[in-house]
């Protein structure tokens, strides 16, 4: 039986206001807001993928080894694991818009520096700053999701996006929006390597960063002009008008033209109402690892992100060595993976919505009741999000193991390309499923939860990338990706455990919170 008791995700609705909608944002306002969140979430993975084809060019220009250039990639990933923890906490306390504007400003400034610098030390430091900005935006944009896709996610922008998603959508409708949110990050795998290869070959590798600066600056302007504040701490369900930095320039201009005067309904954050500033603790979000059901989601998300990263990092080098590809050709082989990631992110949101509605009907709820009560404590949300994802475990295992062995035996290039496409679809779809569940389990701390996911996945991926080449040199590419494939397969039993035990753990946690 489904409990009638509203959860925290209802935004603290009072009994008298029970008829108030979860969000006053219209359908097109939601679509526009999620679109902008997806757009900003593109920069973290784009900054990685656009960099890959230029590794050799940068190494030659700076007169350092490829190993040292790879260290810049590791630095980028390490920073991207820490920053979302800072920005996610800040976004939950002080709103989404201020953090978006801050992160995008840092990102654009770092790209200017990268375009001007001529030393390896400058590259290393500025790549870390670039990562801080891009991942911060990614984190905000996907606070309720993962990569795949995090998969793809760096610092703050994606994490913030998840927070935005949690602010304006209910659980019942969230699945399809998660797919849209991940379209931004998933554009990077097919587009980034091509753009990076062309820019490096035709204009020089520094133009990679100038292009990112132009794109980041344009997005910053778009956010300033047209991205509304969604934080429920600031604007509630969207019915409270906001002023100052929380208000879009379009809204401010409309008020000025209409001769708008300050009213009691305006949300003005002065020294009396502003939240007290405290320095965010980047490790505070790791407390979520103490919650077993949440820890399983974080671990599985991190493992699949690691698998995606190792395959992406190995593509160009392995195809150059084994199939004698040139740099630009090696960049083109990222297209199938990227297209499959797009397909996985978009299509799996529909699967989640279907599974959610199916379980709701089995519980005797109508469509309207699903939307209003989809956040109740007794609803089997783990089953709704993970039941179909078990198929993805099988696909990913076959694709990852096969990818390694077919390259090992130098089978025709089309075979490993097809298999890495399968992995791209499976990991991206898995990010949608796990990311949506993570938001469902943490509705009032979505950005913080996303930061936890980012720290875990970046820590695992950074470790894996550090040992990837030594493992390949020691045991061969076949056994290397067999290891990673089996790690992904281990997530299957963890997910089954989550389906069976998750609801019980949630009930115990809520009972403890109410009694305490």
Protein backbone atom coordinates (compact mmCIF):
# COMPACT_ATOMS: atom_id res chain seq x y z
CA UNK A 1 0.00 0.00 0.00
CA UNK A 2 1.31 3.44 -0.90
CA UNK A 3 1.66 5.87 1.97
CA UNK A 4 -0.29 9.11 1.78
CA UNK A 5 2.32 11.02 3.72
CA UNK A 6 4.11 13.66 1.69
CA UNK A 7 7.87 13.55 1.59
CA UNK A 8 10.43 16.29 1.87
CA UNK A 9 10.42 16.62 -1.88
CA UNK A 10 7.09 18.39 -1.64
CA UNK A 11 9.12 21.43 -0.62
CA UNK A 12 7.66 21.64 2.85
CA UNK A 13 4.10 22.20 1.65
CA UNK A 14 1.70 22.98 4.39
CA UNK A 15 -1.43 20.99 4.72
CA UNK A 16 -3.53 23.96 3.77
CA UNK A 17 -1.59 24.38 0.58
CA UNK A 18 -1.65 20.76 -0.48
CA UNK A 19 -3.28 21.65 -3.80
CA UNK A 20 -0.35 23.86 -4.80
CA UNK A 21 1.65 22.33 -7.66
CA UNK A 22 5.14 21.04 -7.03
CA UNK A 23 6.38 23.66 -9.51
CA UNK A 24 4.66 26.63 -11.13
CA UNK A 25 7.03 26.43 -14.09
CA UNK A 26 5.13 25.78 -17.30
CA UNK A 27 6.05 22.90 -19.59
CA UNK A 28 8.04 25.18 -21.89
CA UNK A 29 9.71 26.94 -18.97
CA UNK A 30 10.85 23.56 -17.69
CA UNK A 31 12.11 22.58 -21.12
CA UNK A 32 13.99 25.86 -21.55
CA UNK A 33 15.53 25.66 -18.09
CA UNK A 34 16.62 22.04 -18.51
CA UNK A 35 17.95 22.87 -21.99
CA UNK A 36 20.17 25.61 -20.55
CA UNK A 37 21.29 23.27 -17.78
CA UNK A 38 22.18 20.67 -20.41
CA UNK A 39 24.03 23.28 -22.47
CA UNK A 40 26.17 24.37 -19.54
CA UNK A 41 26.76 20.73 -18.64
CA UNK A 42 28.43 20.23 -22.01
CA UNK A 43 31.60 22.12 -21.12
CA UNK A 44 33.17 19.68 -18.68
CA UNK A 45 33.24 16.66 -21.00
CA UNK A 46 33.83 18.88 -24.03
CA UNK A 47 36.98 20.26 -22.42
CA UNK A 48 38.22 16.68 -22.06
CA UNK A 49 37.28 15.27 -25.46
CA UNK A 50 38.45 18.28 -27.44
CA UNK A 51 41.85 17.87 -25.74
CA UNK A 52 42.50 14.22 -26.70
CA UNK A 53 43.41 14.66 -30.41
CA UNK A 54 45.88 17.43 -29.57
CA UNK A 55 47.91 15.51 -26.97
CA UNK A 56 50.83 14.80 -29.30
CA UNK A 57 50.79 18.34 -30.74
CA UNK A 58 50.84 19.90 -27.28
CA UNK A 59 53.63 17.59 -26.12
CA UNK A 60 55.78 18.54 -29.11
CA UNK A 61 55.04 22.25 -28.74
CA UNK A 62 55.87 22.34 -25.02
CA UNK A 63 58.76 19.86 -25.47
CA UNK A 64 57.52 17.40 -22.88
CA UNK A 65 56.50 13.75 -23.01
CA UNK A 66 53.00 12.44 -23.65
CA UNK A 67 53.08 10.98 -20.13
CA UNK A 68 53.35 14.51 -18.71
CA UNK A 69 50.50 15.72 -20.91
CA UNK A 70 48.43 12.83 -19.59
CA UNK A 71 49.20 14.14 -16.12
CA UNK A 72 47.30 17.27 -17.09
CA UNK A 73 44.31 15.03 -17.80
CA UNK A 74 44.67 13.43 -14.38
CA UNK A 75 44.86 16.87 -12.76
CA UNK A 76 41.72 17.90 -14.60
CA UNK A 77 39.88 14.85 -13.30
CA UNK A 78 41.08 15.19 -9.71
CA UNK A 79 39.95 18.81 -9.52
CA UNK A 80 36.63 17.90 -11.11
CA UNK A 81 36.07 15.45 -8.30
CA UNK A 82 36.50 18.03 -5.53
CA UNK A 83 34.90 21.21 -6.87
CA UNK A 84 31.33 19.89 -7.20
CA UNK A 85 31.43 19.08 -3.50
CA UNK A 86 32.07 22.77 -2.83
CA UNK A 87 29.69 24.21 -5.42
CA UNK A 88 26.93 21.68 -4.85
CA UNK A 89 26.78 22.67 -1.20
CA UNK A 90 26.82 26.36 -2.13
CA UNK A 91 24.13 25.88 -4.78
CA UNK A 92 21.84 24.16 -2.29
CA UNK A 93 22.29 27.05 0.19
CA UNK A 94 22.52 30.16 -1.96
CA UNK A 95 20.76 29.29 -5.20
CA UNK A 96 21.66 27.99 -8.65
CA UNK A 97 22.16 31.22 -10.62
CA UNK A 98 24.99 32.70 -8.51
CA UNK A 99 26.96 29.46 -8.69
CA UNK A 100 26.34 29.08 -12.43
CA UNK A 101 27.59 32.61 -13.07
CA UNK A 102 30.64 32.10 -10.85
CA UNK A 103 31.60 28.75 -12.40
CA UNK A 104 31.20 29.93 -16.00
CA UNK A 105 33.23 33.07 -15.27
CA UNK A 106 36.09 30.99 -13.86
CA UNK A 107 35.88 28.63 -16.83
CA UNK A 108 36.04 31.42 -19.42
CA UNK A 109 38.95 33.14 -17.66
CA UNK A 110 40.90 29.86 -17.48
CA UNK A 111 40.49 29.32 -21.21
CA UNK A 112 41.88 32.79 -21.90
CA UNK A 113 44.92 31.88 -19.82
CA UNK A 114 45.33 28.55 -21.59
CA UNK A 115 45.24 30.30 -24.95
CA UNK A 116 48.01 32.68 -23.88
CA UNK A 117 50.38 30.45 -21.87
CA UNK A 118 53.47 28.74 -23.33
CA UNK A 119 54.73 26.53 -20.48
CA UNK A 120 53.89 23.10 -19.15
CA UNK A 121 53.46 24.48 -15.63
CA UNK A 122 50.96 27.00 -16.95
CA UNK A 123 49.07 24.26 -18.77
CA UNK A 124 48.91 22.10 -15.64
CA UNK A 125 47.68 24.87 -13.34
CA UNK A 126 45.21 26.41 -15.76
CA UNK A 127 43.75 23.04 -16.73
CA UNK A 128 42.97 22.55 -13.05
CA UNK A 129 41.24 25.94 -12.91
CA UNK A 130 39.40 25.17 -16.14
CA UNK A 131 38.23 21.90 -14.61
CA UNK A 132 36.98 23.72 -11.52
CA UNK A 133 34.77 25.95 -13.62
CA UNK A 134 33.48 23.40 -16.08
CA UNK A 135 32.83 20.66 -13.59
CA UNK A 136 31.16 23.10 -11.26
CA UNK A 137 28.65 23.95 -13.96
CA UNK A 138 28.22 20.33 -14.94
CA UNK A 139 27.54 19.46 -11.33
CA UNK A 140 24.86 22.11 -10.96
CA UNK A 141 23.27 21.04 -14.20
CA UNK A 142 23.01 17.40 -13.31
CA UNK A 143 22.63 17.39 -9.60
CA UNK A 144 19.97 14.80 -9.87
CA UNK A 145 21.69 12.61 -12.38
CA UNK A 146 25.10 10.82 -13.15
CA UNK A 147 27.39 10.11 -16.18
CA UNK A 148 27.61 8.93 -16.89
CA UNK A 149 27.72 10.28 -16.67
CA UNK A 150 28.58 12.00 -14.85
CA UNK A 151 30.28 10.05 -17.71
CA UNK A 152 31.27 12.67 -18.58
CA UNK A 153 30.80 15.05 -15.86
CA UNK A 154 33.30 17.27 -14.35
CA UNK A 155 32.98 19.79 -11.68
CA UNK A 156 30.12 21.93 -10.93
CA UNK A 157 28.03 22.41 -14.01
CA UNK A 158 26.55 18.95 -14.17
CA UNK A 159 25.99 18.80 -10.50
CA UNK A 160 24.11 22.07 -10.61
CA UNK A 161 21.97 20.68 -13.40
CA UNK A 162 20.82 17.85 -11.20
CA UNK A 163 19.85 20.41 -8.59
CA UNK A 164 17.83 22.34 -11.16
CA UNK A 165 16.14 19.14 -12.24
CA UNK A 166 15.16 18.30 -8.69
CA UNK A 167 13.82 21.83 -8.15
CA UNK A 168 11.24 21.85 -10.93
CA UNK A 169 10.29 18.23 -11.72
CA UNK A 170 8.50 15.50 -9.80
CA UNK A 171 9.77 11.94 -9.67
CA UNK A 172 7.04 10.80 -12.03
CA UNK A 173 8.19 13.10 -14.85
CA UNK A 174 11.90 13.24 -14.03
CA UNK A 175 13.10 10.28 -16.10
CA UNK A 176 12.59 11.86 -19.51
CA UNK A 177 14.06 15.18 -18.34
CA UNK A 178 17.17 13.38 -17.10
CA UNK A 179 17.68 12.12 -20.64
CA UNK A 180 17.43 15.69 -21.95
CA UNK A 181 19.80 16.96 -19.26
CA UNK A 182 22.43 14.43 -20.29
CA UNK A 183 22.17 15.35 -23.97
CA UNK A 184 24.50 18.28 -23.28
CA UNK A 185 27.32 16.22 -21.77
CA UNK A 186 26.79 13.51 -24.37
CA UNK A 187 27.29 15.93 -27.26
CA UNK A 188 30.96 16.14 -26.27
CA UNK A 189 32.13 12.62 -27.24
CA UNK A 190 31.14 12.87 -30.94
CA UNK A 191 31.82 16.59 -31.42
CA UNK A 192 34.81 17.29 -29.16
CA UNK A 193 37.45 15.06 -30.81
CA UNK A 194 36.52 16.23 -34.32
CA UNK A 195 36.59 19.89 -33.32
CA UNK A 196 39.85 19.44 -31.44
CA UNK A 197 41.51 17.59 -34.30
CA UNK A 198 40.49 20.18 -36.88
CA UNK A 199 41.52 23.16 -34.74
CA UNK A 200 44.87 21.61 -33.81
CA UNK A 201 45.63 20.69 -37.42
CA UNK A 202 44.46 23.91 -39.09
CA UNK A 203 44.91 26.72 -36.55
CA UNK A 204 47.11 25.28 -33.82
CA UNK A 205 46.29 23.65 -30.50
CA UNK A 206 45.85 26.95 -28.63
CA UNK A 207 42.75 27.63 -30.71
CA UNK A 208 41.10 24.76 -28.85
CA UNK A 209 41.04 26.93 -25.75
CA UNK A 210 40.06 30.08 -27.61
CA UNK A 211 37.08 28.21 -29.03
CA UNK A 212 36.11 26.99 -25.56
CA UNK A 213 36.43 30.56 -24.30
CA UNK A 214 34.06 31.83 -26.99
CA UNK A 215 31.52 29.09 -26.28
CA UNK A 216 31.80 29.51 -22.51
CA UNK A 217 31.41 33.28 -22.73
CA UNK A 218 28.33 32.96 -24.91
CA UNK A 219 26.79 30.51 -22.45
CA UNK A 220 27.62 32.81 -19.54
CA UNK A 221 25.74 35.62 -21.27
CA UNK A 222 22.78 33.34 -21.95
CA UNK A 223 22.60 32.28 -18.30
CA UNK A 224 22.81 35.90 -17.15
CA UNK A 225 20.01 36.94 -19.48
CA UNK A 226 17.58 34.03 -19.44
CA UNK A 227 18.22 31.29 -16.85
CA UNK A 228 15.68 31.61 -14.00
CA UNK A 229 16.50 30.82 -10.39
CA UNK A 230 14.96 27.45 -9.48
CA UNK A 231 16.21 26.78 -5.95
CA UNK A 232 13.27 26.00 -3.71
CA UNK A 233 15.09 27.73 -0.87
CA UNK A 234 15.01 30.96 -2.88
CA UNK A 235 11.80 30.90 -4.96
CA UNK A 236 9.83 28.03 -3.45
CA UNK A 237 7.87 26.25 -6.19
CA UNK A 238 8.51 29.19 -8.51
CA UNK A 239 5.68 31.36 -7.23
CA UNK A 240 7.98 33.76 -5.35
CA UNK A 241 9.52 36.47 -7.56
CA UNK A 242 13.22 37.01 -7.01
CA UNK A 243 15.37 40.12 -7.30
CA UNK A 244 19.00 41.01 -7.67
CA UNK A 245 21.34 38.30 -8.87
CA UNK A 246 18.51 35.77 -8.67
CA UNK A 247 16.52 37.58 -11.35
CA UNK A 248 17.17 37.20 -15.07
CA UNK A 249 18.03 40.31 -17.06
CA UNK A 250 14.95 39.73 -19.19
CA UNK A 251 12.71 39.73 -16.14
CA UNK A 252 14.42 42.81 -14.69
CA UNK A 253 14.03 44.67 -17.99
CA UNK A 254 10.34 43.81 -18.20
CA UNK A 255 9.78 45.15 -14.68
CA UNK A 256 11.65 48.34 -15.46
CA UNK A 257 9.61 48.93 -18.62
CA UNK A 258 6.38 48.33 -16.68
CA UNK A 259 7.46 50.62 -13.85
CA UNK A 260 7.50 47.73 -11.36
CA UNK A 261 7.76 48.68 -7.72
CA UNK A 262 9.07 46.51 -4.94
CA UNK A 263 6.27 44.51 -3.32
CA UNK A 264 5.98 42.27 -0.34
CA UNK A 265 6.06 39.23 -2.58
CA UNK A 266 9.48 40.04 -3.98
CA UNK A 267 12.28 37.90 -2.65
CA UNK A 268 15.02 40.24 -1.54
CA UNK A 269 18.01 38.76 0.23
CA UNK A 270 19.48 41.36 2.51
CA UNK A 271 21.72 41.00 5.52
CA UNK A 272 18.79 39.84 7.63
CA UNK A 273 17.39 37.16 5.35
CA UNK A 274 20.52 35.96 3.62
CA UNK A 275 21.77 32.57 4.69
CA UNK A 276 24.81 32.73 6.92
CA UNK A 277 27.91 31.96 4.91
CA UNK A 278 29.94 28.97 5.95
CA UNK A 279 32.92 27.58 4.10
CA UNK A 280 31.71 24.41 2.36
CA UNK A 281 33.36 21.19 3.45
CA UNK A 282 34.25 19.23 0.27
CA UNK A 283 34.15 15.96 2.20
CA UNK A 284 30.84 16.55 3.95
CA UNK A 285 28.93 15.06 1.04
CA UNK A 286 30.77 11.77 1.57
CA UNK A 287 28.57 11.20 4.60
CA UNK A 288 26.10 9.82 2.08
CA UNK A 289 28.44 6.83 1.74
CA UNK A 290 27.30 5.82 5.21
CA UNK A 291 23.83 5.18 3.78
CA UNK A 292 24.06 1.70 2.28
CA UNK A 293 21.44 2.11 -0.42
CA UNK A 294 22.96 5.41 -1.55
CA UNK A 295 26.49 3.98 -1.36
CA UNK A 296 25.54 1.19 -3.78
CA UNK A 297 24.30 3.75 -6.30
CA UNK A 298 27.47 5.83 -5.90
CA UNK A 299 29.73 2.79 -6.31
CA UNK A 300 27.98 1.46 -9.40
CA UNK A 301 27.92 4.91 -10.94
CA UNK A 302 31.63 5.28 -10.29
CA UNK A 303 32.47 1.90 -11.80
CA UNK A 304 30.58 2.60 -15.01
CA UNK A 305 32.10 6.05 -15.27
CA UNK A 306 35.52 4.44 -14.90
CA UNK A 307 34.78 1.95 -17.67
CA UNK A 308 33.64 4.73 -19.99
CA UNK A 309 36.75 6.81 -19.22
CA UNK A 310 39.22 3.97 -19.78
CA UNK A 311 37.71 3.10 -23.15
CA UNK A 312 37.63 6.75 -24.21
CA UNK A 313 41.22 7.31 -23.09
CA UNK A 314 42.44 4.20 -24.90
CA UNK A 315 40.64 4.75 -28.21
CA UNK A 316 43.03 7.08 -30.00
CA UNK A 317 46.28 5.52 -28.75
CA UNK A 318 45.22 1.93 -29.43
CA UNK A 319 43.84 2.67 -32.88
CA UNK A 320 46.98 4.61 -33.80
CA UNK A 321 49.21 1.76 -32.62
CA UNK A 322 47.17 -1.23 -33.81
CA UNK A 323 45.46 0.09 -36.93
CA UNK A 324 47.99 2.78 -37.93
CA UNK A 325 45.46 5.61 -37.77
CA UNK A 326 46.47 9.26 -38.06
CA UNK A 327 45.51 11.76 -35.36
CA UNK A 328 42.50 13.18 -37.21
CA UNK A 329 41.29 9.67 -38.11
CA UNK A 330 41.69 8.64 -34.49
CA UNK A 331 39.48 11.54 -33.51
CA UNK A 332 36.73 10.31 -35.82
CA UNK A 333 36.45 6.96 -34.03
CA UNK A 334 34.92 8.77 -31.05
CA UNK A 335 31.81 9.54 -33.10
CA UNK A 336 30.10 6.12 -32.69
CA UNK A 337 30.66 6.18 -28.93
CA UNK A 338 29.27 9.70 -28.70
CA UNK A 339 26.23 9.02 -30.86
CA UNK A 340 25.47 5.91 -28.84
CA UNK A 341 25.80 7.94 -25.64
CA UNK A 342 23.28 10.44 -26.95
CA UNK A 343 20.88 7.66 -27.87
CA UNK A 344 21.30 6.00 -24.49
CA UNK A 345 20.75 9.18 -22.51
CA UNK A 346 17.66 10.19 -24.46
CA UNK A 347 15.98 6.81 -24.82
CA UNK A 348 16.55 5.53 -21.29
CA UNK A 349 14.64 8.41 -19.79
CA UNK A 350 11.58 7.09 -21.63
CA UNK A 351 12.26 3.62 -20.25
CA UNK A 352 12.38 5.00 -16.72
CA UNK A 353 9.08 6.82 -17.15
CA UNK A 354 7.48 3.64 -18.51
CA UNK A 355 8.75 1.49 -15.64
CA UNK A 356 7.66 4.10 -13.10
CA UNK A 357 4.12 4.31 -14.51
CA UNK A 358 3.88 0.51 -14.76
CA UNK A 359 4.74 0.01 -11.10
CA UNK A 360 2.34 2.78 -10.13
CA UNK A 361 -0.51 1.06 -11.97
CA UNK A 362 0.35 -2.18 -10.22
CA UNK A 363 0.01 -0.28 -6.94
CA UNK A 364 -3.46 0.87 -7.99
CA UNK A 365 -2.56 4.50 -8.68
CA UNK A 366 -3.85 6.60 -11.56
CA UNK A 367 -1.56 8.76 -13.68
CA UNK A 368 -2.43 11.86 -11.63
CA UNK A 369 -1.79 9.98 -8.40
CA UNK A 370 1.58 8.85 -9.73
CA UNK A 371 2.60 12.46 -10.24
CA UNK A 372 1.29 13.63 -6.88
CA UNK A 373 2.33 10.61 -4.79
CA UNK A 374 5.35 9.40 -6.72
CA UNK A 375 7.58 10.60 -3.93
CA UNK A 376 5.97 8.58 -1.14
CA UNK A 377 8.20 6.54 1.11
CA UNK A 378 6.64 3.17 0.30
CA UNK A 379 6.83 3.43 -3.47
CA UNK A 380 9.42 0.90 -4.83
CA UNK A 381 11.51 3.57 -6.50
CA UNK A 382 14.61 1.34 -6.64
CA UNK A 383 12.70 -1.22 -8.67
CA UNK A 384 11.34 1.47 -10.98
CA UNK A 385 14.83 2.81 -11.74
CA UNK A 386 16.96 -0.36 -11.75
CA UNK A 387 14.83 -3.23 -13.04
CA UNK A 388 15.55 -2.56 -16.73
CA UNK A 389 19.11 -1.43 -16.01
CA UNK A 390 20.14 -5.05 -15.39
CA UNK A 391 20.04 -5.50 -19.17
CA UNK A 392 22.63 -2.73 -19.44
CA UNK A 393 24.96 -4.66 -17.14
CA UNK A 394 24.99 -7.55 -19.61
CA UNK A 395 25.49 -5.28 -22.64
CA UNK A 396 28.32 -3.38 -20.99
CA UNK A 397 30.15 -6.53 -19.90
CA UNK A 398 29.99 -8.07 -23.37
CA UNK A 399 31.03 -4.81 -25.03
CA UNK A 400 33.94 -4.04 -22.69
CA UNK A 401 35.47 -7.52 -22.66
CA UNK A 402 34.96 -7.96 -26.41
CA UNK A 403 36.48 -4.56 -27.15
CA UNK A 404 39.73 -5.52 -25.43
CA UNK A 405 40.10 -8.97 -26.98
CA UNK A 406 39.18 -8.01 -30.54
CA UNK A 407 41.78 -5.25 -30.48
CA UNK A 408 44.26 -7.71 -28.95
CA UNK A 409 43.77 -10.10 -31.87
CA UNK A 410 43.76 -7.20 -34.38
CA UNK A 411 40.35 -8.11 -35.76
CA UNK A 412 38.90 -5.81 -38.42
CA UNK A 413 38.49 -2.28 -37.09
CA UNK A 414 34.70 -2.35 -37.48
CA UNK A 415 34.33 -4.92 -34.69
CA UNK A 416 35.91 -2.93 -31.81
CA UNK A 417 34.16 0.18 -33.11
CA UNK A 418 30.79 -1.58 -32.85
CA UNK A 419 31.62 -2.91 -29.38
CA UNK A 420 32.71 0.47 -28.03
CA UNK A 421 29.42 1.79 -29.42
CA UNK A 422 27.57 -0.79 -27.33
CA UNK A 423 29.53 0.33 -24.27
CA UNK A 424 28.71 3.96 -25.04
CA UNK A 425 24.98 3.24 -25.10
CA UNK A 426 25.04 1.02 -22.01
CA UNK A 427 27.10 3.36 -19.83
CA UNK A 428 25.14 6.45 -20.83
CA UNK A 429 21.81 4.77 -20.16
CA UNK A 430 23.15 3.46 -16.85
CA UNK A 431 24.12 7.00 -15.87
CA UNK A 432 20.52 8.09 -16.47
CA UNK A 433 19.12 5.27 -14.34
CA UNK A 434 21.57 5.66 -11.46
CA UNK A 435 21.55 9.45 -11.58
CA UNK A 436 17.77 9.59 -11.45
CA UNK A 437 17.68 7.17 -8.52
CA UNK A 438 20.33 9.19 -6.70
CA UNK A 439 18.14 12.29 -6.95
CA UNK A 440 15.07 10.32 -5.89
CA UNK A 441 16.87 9.14 -2.75
CA UNK A 442 18.12 12.64 -1.92
CA UNK A 443 15.40 15.08 -3.04
CA UNK A 444 16.39 17.90 -0.69
CA UNK A 445 20.14 17.64 -1.22
CA UNK A 446 20.34 16.79 -4.90
CA UNK A 447 23.43 18.88 -5.65
CA UNK A 448 25.24 17.52 -2.61
CA UNK A 449 24.37 13.97 -3.65
CA UNK A 450 25.63 14.68 -7.14
CA UNK A 451 28.86 16.01 -5.64
CA UNK A 452 29.26 12.73 -3.76
CA UNK A 453 28.81 10.83 -7.00
CA UNK A 454 31.33 13.07 -8.69
CA UNK A 455 33.98 12.55 -6.02
CA UNK A 456 33.55 8.77 -6.08
CA UNK A 457 33.57 8.43 -9.85
CA UNK A 458 36.45 10.86 -10.38
CA UNK A 459 38.53 9.11 -7.71
CA UNK A 460 37.91 5.71 -9.30
CA UNK A 461 38.46 6.98 -12.85
CA UNK A 462 41.64 8.90 -11.99
CA UNK A 463 43.08 5.79 -10.36
CA UNK A 464 42.11 3.62 -13.31
CA UNK A 465 43.59 6.02 -15.86
CA UNK A 466 46.83 6.17 -13.88
CA UNK A 467 47.25 2.39 -14.08
CA UNK A 468 45.62 1.82 -17.49
CA UNK A 469 48.76 1.86 -19.62
CA UNK A 470 50.86 -0.14 -17.10
CA UNK A 471 48.15 -2.83 -17.01
CA UNK A 472 48.01 -2.97 -20.82
CA UNK A 473 51.81 -3.23 -20.96
CA UNK A 474 51.83 -5.95 -18.30
CA UNK A 475 48.93 -8.25 -19.25
CA UNK A 476 47.78 -6.99 -22.64
CA UNK A 477 44.74 -5.04 -23.79
CA UNK A 478 42.50 -8.13 -23.76
CA UNK A 479 42.98 -9.00 -20.11
CA UNK A 480 43.01 -5.32 -19.15
CA UNK A 481 39.46 -4.74 -20.38
CA UNK A 482 38.36 -8.13 -19.10
CA UNK A 483 39.17 -6.80 -15.64
CA UNK A 484 37.14 -3.65 -16.23
CA UNK A 485 34.30 -5.63 -17.77
CA UNK A 486 34.08 -7.92 -14.75
CA UNK A 487 34.05 -4.92 -12.42
CA UNK A 488 31.00 -3.70 -14.29
CA UNK A 489 29.39 -7.13 -14.03
CA UNK A 490 29.75 -6.99 -10.23
CA UNK A 491 27.29 -4.10 -10.22
CA UNK A 492 24.51 -6.51 -11.20
CA UNK A 493 24.31 -8.22 -7.78
CA UNK A 494 24.63 -4.84 -6.05
CA UNK A 495 21.67 -3.50 -8.02
CA UNK A 496 19.56 -6.57 -7.24
CA UNK A 497 20.36 -6.02 -3.56
CA UNK A 498 19.26 -2.40 -3.89
CA UNK A 499 15.96 -3.42 -5.48
CA UNK A 500 15.26 -5.89 -2.68
CA UNK A 501 16.49 -3.91 0.34
CA UNK A 502 16.32 -0.25 -0.66
CA UNK A 503 12.73 0.48 0.34
CA UNK A 504 13.25 -1.03 3.78
CA UNK A 505 16.36 1.05 4.38
CA UNK A 506 14.52 4.21 3.36
CA UNK A 507 11.68 3.49 5.78
CA UNK A 508 14.12 2.90 8.64
CA UNK A 509 15.97 6.10 7.80
CA UNK A 510 12.79 8.17 7.75
CA UNK A 511 11.62 6.63 11.03
CA UNK A 512 14.96 7.48 12.63
CA UNK A 513 14.78 11.07 11.36
CA UNK A 514 11.22 11.53 12.65
CA UNK A 515 12.03 10.07 16.07
CA UNK A 516 15.28 11.99 16.34
